[in-house]
């Protein structure tokens, strides 16, 4: 059974950078697409960035140019480098995985990112 384990996150001042990492415990077709979502208090969970094992990527408009997703297919990991952080980026960030583009069937436990002004 594949599990997603996240690391990173924490408290950062606006304008700073943070890196989130996600490791899948096993390799399978269920991690063909890996990504990051976030959920702020009182808001719905939203896509931040996603990347396929073949290198296709997609980003939320609000993070384009500031966040970069990367993958190591051999290690089955997906990292999110976040720069120029804003207070609006404050949320719980969840690693995700799925077998095909647009489908998520695995979630990590979530990691808190707080950006102070």
N, C-alpha and C. Protein backbone atom coordinates (compact mmCIF):
# COMPACT_ATOMS: atom_id res chain seq x y z
N UNK A 1 0.85 -1.19 0.00
CA UNK A 1 0.00 0.00 0.00
C UNK A 1 0.89 1.25 0.00
N UNK A 2 0.62 2.17 -0.91
CA UNK A 2 1.42 3.37 -1.04
C UNK A 2 0.96 4.42 -0.03
N UNK A 3 1.91 5.02 0.64
CA UNK A 3 1.61 6.13 1.55
C UNK A 3 2.48 7.32 1.18
N UNK A 4 1.96 8.52 1.42
CA UNK A 4 2.69 9.76 1.14
C UNK A 4 3.08 10.40 2.46
N UNK A 5 4.37 10.74 2.57
CA UNK A 5 4.88 11.35 3.80
C UNK A 5 5.49 12.70 3.44
N UNK A 6 4.97 13.75 4.07
CA UNK A 6 5.43 15.10 3.78
C UNK A 6 6.43 15.58 4.82
N UNK A 7 7.30 16.49 4.42
CA UNK A 7 8.21 17.15 5.35
C UNK A 7 8.42 18.58 4.86
N UNK A 8 8.92 19.40 5.75
CA UNK A 8 9.11 20.81 5.43
C UNK A 8 7.96 21.63 6.00
N UNK A 9 7.81 22.83 5.53
CA UNK A 9 6.79 23.71 6.05
C UNK A 9 7.29 24.44 7.28
N UNK A 10 6.37 25.20 7.91
CA UNK A 10 6.72 25.96 9.09
C UNK A 10 6.33 27.40 8.96
N UNK A 11 7.01 28.25 9.71
CA UNK A 11 6.71 29.68 9.76
C UNK A 11 7.79 30.46 9.02
N UNK A 12 7.33 31.40 8.16
CA UNK A 12 8.28 32.20 7.38
C UNK A 12 7.72 33.61 7.24
N UNK A 13 8.60 34.57 7.15
CA UNK A 13 8.17 35.94 6.89
C UNK A 13 7.87 36.12 5.41
N UNK A 14 7.02 37.07 5.12
CA UNK A 14 6.70 37.37 3.73
C UNK A 14 7.97 37.70 2.96
N UNK A 15 8.03 37.17 1.74
CA UNK A 15 9.20 37.36 0.90
C UNK A 15 10.22 36.25 1.01
N UNK A 16 10.06 35.40 1.99
CA UNK A 16 10.99 34.31 2.21
C UNK A 16 10.68 33.09 1.36
N UNK A 17 11.43 32.03 1.61
CA UNK A 17 11.30 30.79 0.85
C UNK A 17 11.18 29.59 1.78
N UNK A 18 10.46 28.59 1.31
CA UNK A 18 10.34 27.31 2.00
C UNK A 18 10.32 26.20 0.97
N UNK A 19 10.70 25.04 1.41
CA UNK A 19 10.67 23.86 0.53
C UNK A 19 9.90 22.74 1.20
N UNK A 20 8.94 22.20 0.48
CA UNK A 20 8.18 21.04 0.96
C UNK A 20 8.63 19.81 0.18
N UNK A 21 8.69 18.69 0.89
CA UNK A 21 9.07 17.43 0.25
C UNK A 21 8.01 16.37 0.53
N UNK A 22 7.81 15.51 -0.44
CA UNK A 22 6.85 14.42 -0.31
C UNK A 22 7.51 13.15 -0.82
N UNK A 23 7.45 12.10 -0.01
CA UNK A 23 8.02 10.82 -0.41
C UNK A 23 6.93 9.76 -0.40
N UNK A 24 6.83 9.03 -1.50
CA UNK A 24 5.90 7.92 -1.57
C UNK A 24 6.59 6.66 -1.07
N UNK A 25 5.90 5.92 -0.22
CA UNK A 25 6.52 4.76 0.42
C UNK A 25 6.77 3.62 -0.53
N UNK A 26 6.04 3.59 -1.64
CA UNK A 26 6.24 2.55 -2.62
C UNK A 26 6.04 3.10 -4.00
N UNK A 27 6.58 2.42 -4.96
CA UNK A 27 6.45 2.87 -6.34
C UNK A 27 5.35 2.07 -7.03
N UNK A 28 4.44 2.78 -7.64
CA UNK A 28 3.37 2.09 -8.36
C UNK A 28 2.76 3.06 -9.35
N UNK A 29 1.84 2.55 -10.15
CA UNK A 29 1.16 3.41 -11.11
C UNK A 29 0.36 4.49 -10.39
N UNK A 30 0.08 4.28 -9.11
CA UNK A 30 -0.73 5.23 -8.35
C UNK A 30 0.01 6.53 -8.09
N UNK A 31 1.31 6.59 -8.37
CA UNK A 31 2.06 7.83 -8.21
C UNK A 31 2.55 8.38 -9.54
N UNK A 32 1.86 8.02 -10.62
CA UNK A 32 2.24 8.55 -11.93
C UNK A 32 2.19 10.08 -11.94
N UNK A 33 1.20 10.62 -11.25
CA UNK A 33 1.06 12.07 -11.14
C UNK A 33 1.13 12.42 -9.66
N UNK A 34 2.01 13.33 -9.30
CA UNK A 34 2.15 13.78 -7.93
C UNK A 34 2.04 15.30 -7.88
N UNK A 35 1.54 15.78 -6.77
CA UNK A 35 1.37 17.23 -6.70
C UNK A 35 1.14 17.73 -5.29
N UNK A 36 0.79 18.99 -5.23
CA UNK A 36 0.54 19.66 -3.96
C UNK A 36 -0.75 20.47 -4.06
N UNK A 37 -1.57 20.33 -3.03
CA UNK A 37 -2.77 21.12 -2.85
C UNK A 37 -2.62 21.88 -1.53
N UNK A 38 -3.49 22.85 -1.34
CA UNK A 38 -3.50 23.55 -0.06
C UNK A 38 -4.92 23.92 0.35
N UNK A 39 -5.09 24.08 1.65
CA UNK A 39 -6.40 24.46 2.19
C UNK A 39 -6.20 25.48 3.29
N UNK A 40 -6.70 26.67 3.06
CA UNK A 40 -6.66 27.73 4.06
C UNK A 40 -7.91 27.66 4.92
N UNK A 41 -7.88 28.23 6.12
CA UNK A 41 -9.05 28.19 7.00
C UNK A 41 -10.29 28.78 6.32
N UNK A 42 -11.37 28.03 6.36
CA UNK A 42 -12.62 28.50 5.78
C UNK A 42 -12.71 28.43 4.28
N UNK A 43 -11.70 27.84 3.64
CA UNK A 43 -11.69 27.75 2.18
C UNK A 43 -11.59 26.31 1.73
N UNK A 44 -11.93 26.09 0.45
CA UNK A 44 -11.85 24.75 -0.11
C UNK A 44 -10.40 24.42 -0.46
N UNK A 45 -10.11 23.13 -0.49
CA UNK A 45 -8.79 22.68 -0.91
C UNK A 45 -8.60 23.03 -2.38
N UNK A 46 -7.42 23.56 -2.72
CA UNK A 46 -7.16 23.97 -4.09
C UNK A 46 -5.83 23.44 -4.58
N UNK A 47 -5.75 23.26 -5.88
CA UNK A 47 -4.52 22.81 -6.51
C UNK A 47 -3.46 23.90 -6.42
N UNK A 48 -2.24 23.51 -6.07
CA UNK A 48 -1.11 24.43 -6.10
C UNK A 48 -0.23 24.11 -7.30
N UNK A 49 0.23 22.87 -7.39
CA UNK A 49 1.09 22.46 -8.50
C UNK A 49 1.02 20.95 -8.64
N UNK A 50 1.16 20.48 -9.86
CA UNK A 50 1.12 19.05 -10.11
C UNK A 50 2.10 18.71 -11.22
N UNK A 51 2.64 17.50 -11.17
CA UNK A 51 3.64 17.10 -12.15
C UNK A 51 3.51 15.61 -12.44
N UNK A 52 3.55 15.25 -13.70
CA UNK A 52 3.51 13.83 -14.06
C UNK A 52 4.92 13.26 -14.06
N UNK A 53 5.01 11.95 -14.11
CA UNK A 53 6.32 11.30 -14.17
C UNK A 53 7.03 11.62 -15.48
N UNK A 54 6.27 12.04 -16.47
CA UNK A 54 6.85 12.41 -17.75
C UNK A 54 7.26 13.86 -17.85
N UNK A 55 6.97 14.64 -16.79
CA UNK A 55 7.42 16.03 -16.76
C UNK A 55 6.37 17.08 -17.03
N UNK A 56 5.15 16.69 -17.33
CA UNK A 56 4.08 17.68 -17.54
C UNK A 56 3.76 18.35 -16.21
N UNK A 57 3.58 19.67 -16.24
CA UNK A 57 3.29 20.41 -15.02
C UNK A 57 2.08 21.32 -15.20
N UNK A 58 1.49 21.68 -14.06
CA UNK A 58 0.42 22.67 -14.02
C UNK A 58 0.51 23.39 -12.69
N UNK A 59 0.24 24.69 -12.72
CA UNK A 59 0.32 25.51 -11.52
C UNK A 59 -0.94 26.36 -11.37
N UNK A 60 -1.30 26.65 -10.14
CA UNK A 60 -2.34 27.64 -9.90
C UNK A 60 -1.80 29.00 -10.35
N UNK A 61 -2.67 29.82 -10.89
CA UNK A 61 -2.25 31.15 -11.36
C UNK A 61 -1.59 31.95 -10.23
N UNK A 62 -2.08 31.76 -9.02
CA UNK A 62 -1.60 32.56 -7.89
C UNK A 62 -0.16 32.24 -7.49
N UNK A 63 0.38 31.11 -7.96
CA UNK A 63 1.74 30.73 -7.57
C UNK A 63 2.71 30.70 -8.75
N UNK A 64 2.22 30.89 -9.95
CA UNK A 64 3.10 30.86 -11.12
C UNK A 64 4.20 31.90 -10.99
N UNK A 65 5.42 31.46 -11.28
CA UNK A 65 6.57 32.35 -11.17
C UNK A 65 7.17 32.40 -9.78
N UNK A 66 6.47 31.85 -8.80
CA UNK A 66 6.99 31.86 -7.42
C UNK A 66 7.27 30.46 -6.90
N UNK A 67 6.45 29.50 -7.29
CA UNK A 67 6.59 28.13 -6.83
C UNK A 67 7.08 27.24 -7.98
N UNK A 68 7.88 26.23 -7.63
CA UNK A 68 8.36 25.28 -8.62
C UNK A 68 8.22 23.87 -8.07
N UNK A 69 7.58 23.01 -8.84
CA UNK A 69 7.47 21.62 -8.45
C UNK A 69 8.53 20.81 -9.19
N UNK A 70 9.07 19.81 -8.51
CA UNK A 70 10.06 18.94 -9.13
C UNK A 70 9.84 17.52 -8.65
N UNK A 71 10.31 16.57 -9.43
CA UNK A 71 10.16 15.16 -9.06
C UNK A 71 11.46 14.42 -9.26
N UNK A 72 11.63 13.40 -8.45
CA UNK A 72 12.70 12.43 -8.64
C UNK A 72 12.00 11.09 -8.81
N UNK A 73 11.84 10.66 -10.04
CA UNK A 73 11.07 9.44 -10.31
C UNK A 73 11.74 8.21 -9.70
N UNK A 74 13.06 8.19 -9.67
CA UNK A 74 13.76 7.03 -9.12
C UNK A 74 13.49 6.88 -7.62
N UNK A 75 13.39 8.02 -6.93
CA UNK A 75 13.14 7.98 -5.49
C UNK A 75 11.66 8.14 -5.17
N UNK A 76 10.87 8.41 -6.19
CA UNK A 76 9.42 8.61 -6.02
C UNK A 76 9.11 9.73 -5.03
N UNK A 77 9.72 10.86 -5.28
CA UNK A 77 9.50 12.03 -4.44
C UNK A 77 9.03 13.22 -5.28
N UNK A 78 8.36 14.15 -4.61
CA UNK A 78 7.93 15.38 -5.28
C UNK A 78 8.15 16.53 -4.31
N UNK A 79 8.91 17.51 -4.74
CA UNK A 79 9.21 18.67 -3.91
C UNK A 79 8.52 19.92 -4.45
N UNK A 80 8.24 20.82 -3.54
CA UNK A 80 7.66 22.12 -3.92
C UNK A 80 8.55 23.21 -3.34
N UNK A 81 9.23 23.92 -4.21
CA UNK A 81 10.05 25.05 -3.79
C UNK A 81 9.19 26.31 -3.86
N UNK A 82 9.03 26.97 -2.73
CA UNK A 82 8.17 28.14 -2.65
C UNK A 82 9.01 29.37 -2.35
N UNK A 83 8.90 30.37 -3.21
CA UNK A 83 9.67 31.60 -3.04
C UNK A 83 8.73 32.80 -3.05
N UNK A 84 9.25 33.93 -2.63
CA UNK A 84 8.46 35.18 -2.57
C UNK A 84 7.13 34.93 -1.87
N UNK A 85 7.19 34.27 -0.75
CA UNK A 85 5.98 33.87 -0.04
C UNK A 85 5.17 35.09 0.40
N UNK A 86 3.85 34.91 0.40
CA UNK A 86 2.91 35.95 0.80
C UNK A 86 2.03 35.43 1.94
N UNK A 87 1.50 36.32 2.75
CA UNK A 87 0.56 35.86 3.79
C UNK A 87 -0.59 35.04 3.21
N UNK A 88 -1.00 35.34 1.98
CA UNK A 88 -2.08 34.59 1.34
C UNK A 88 -1.70 33.14 1.05
N UNK A 89 -0.42 32.80 1.15
CA UNK A 89 0.02 31.41 0.95
C UNK A 89 -0.15 30.57 2.20
N UNK A 90 -0.54 31.20 3.30
CA UNK A 90 -0.74 30.47 4.55
C UNK A 90 -1.84 29.44 4.39
N UNK A 91 -1.53 28.19 4.70
CA UNK A 91 -2.49 27.10 4.52
C UNK A 91 -1.85 25.80 5.00
N UNK A 92 -2.66 24.76 5.05
CA UNK A 92 -2.13 23.41 5.20
C UNK A 92 -1.89 22.89 3.78
N UNK A 93 -0.71 22.41 3.54
CA UNK A 93 -0.32 21.90 2.23
C UNK A 93 -0.34 20.37 2.26
N UNK A 94 -0.99 19.80 1.26
CA UNK A 94 -1.15 18.35 1.17
C UNK A 94 -0.46 17.82 -0.09
N UNK A 95 0.34 16.78 0.08
CA UNK A 95 0.88 16.07 -1.06
C UNK A 95 -0.21 15.17 -1.63
N UNK A 96 -0.21 15.02 -2.95
CA UNK A 96 -1.23 14.20 -3.60
C UNK A 96 -0.57 13.29 -4.63
N UNK A 97 -1.28 12.22 -4.97
CA UNK A 97 -0.79 11.31 -6.01
C UNK A 97 -1.98 10.64 -6.67
N UNK A 98 -1.79 10.29 -7.92
CA UNK A 98 -2.84 9.61 -8.66
C UNK A 98 -2.29 8.90 -9.87
N UNK A 99 -3.09 8.00 -10.47
CA UNK A 99 -2.61 7.20 -11.59
C UNK A 99 -2.59 7.94 -12.92
N UNK A 100 -3.50 8.92 -13.06
CA UNK A 100 -3.58 9.66 -14.32
C UNK A 100 -3.79 11.13 -14.02
N UNK A 101 -3.56 11.95 -15.06
CA UNK A 101 -3.73 13.39 -14.92
C UNK A 101 -5.17 13.71 -14.53
N UNK A 102 -5.34 14.50 -13.51
CA UNK A 102 -6.67 14.93 -13.09
C UNK A 102 -7.33 14.05 -12.06
N UNK A 103 -6.69 13.00 -11.67
CA UNK A 103 -7.28 12.09 -10.67
C UNK A 103 -6.33 11.97 -9.48
N UNK A 104 -6.88 12.18 -8.28
CA UNK A 104 -6.12 12.03 -7.05
C UNK A 104 -6.76 10.95 -6.21
N UNK A 105 -5.99 9.94 -5.83
CA UNK A 105 -6.56 8.94 -4.92
C UNK A 105 -5.67 8.66 -3.72
N UNK A 106 -4.63 9.47 -3.54
CA UNK A 106 -3.77 9.36 -2.37
C UNK A 106 -3.49 10.77 -1.84
N UNK A 107 -3.53 10.89 -0.51
CA UNK A 107 -3.23 12.17 0.13
C UNK A 107 -2.23 11.97 1.26
N UNK A 108 -1.37 12.97 1.46
CA UNK A 108 -0.53 12.98 2.63
C UNK A 108 -1.30 13.52 3.82
N UNK A 109 -0.63 13.59 4.96
CA UNK A 109 -1.30 14.01 6.18
C UNK A 109 -1.41 15.53 6.29
N UNK A 110 -0.66 16.25 5.49
CA UNK A 110 -0.71 17.71 5.49
C UNK A 110 0.40 18.31 6.34
N UNK A 111 0.89 19.45 5.91
CA UNK A 111 1.92 20.18 6.66
C UNK A 111 1.56 21.67 6.64
N UNK A 112 1.70 22.31 7.78
CA UNK A 112 1.28 23.71 7.91
C UNK A 112 2.37 24.64 7.39
N UNK A 113 1.94 25.60 6.58
CA UNK A 113 2.80 26.70 6.14
C UNK A 113 2.14 28.00 6.59
N UNK A 114 2.88 28.78 7.36
CA UNK A 114 2.37 30.06 7.84
C UNK A 114 3.33 31.16 7.41
N UNK A 115 2.79 32.17 6.74
CA UNK A 115 3.59 33.29 6.26
C UNK A 115 3.13 34.55 6.98
N UNK A 116 4.03 35.17 7.71
CA UNK A 116 3.70 36.37 8.46
C UNK A 116 4.06 37.62 7.66
N UNK A 117 3.29 38.65 7.88
CA UNK A 117 3.52 39.92 7.15
C UNK A 117 4.53 40.81 7.86
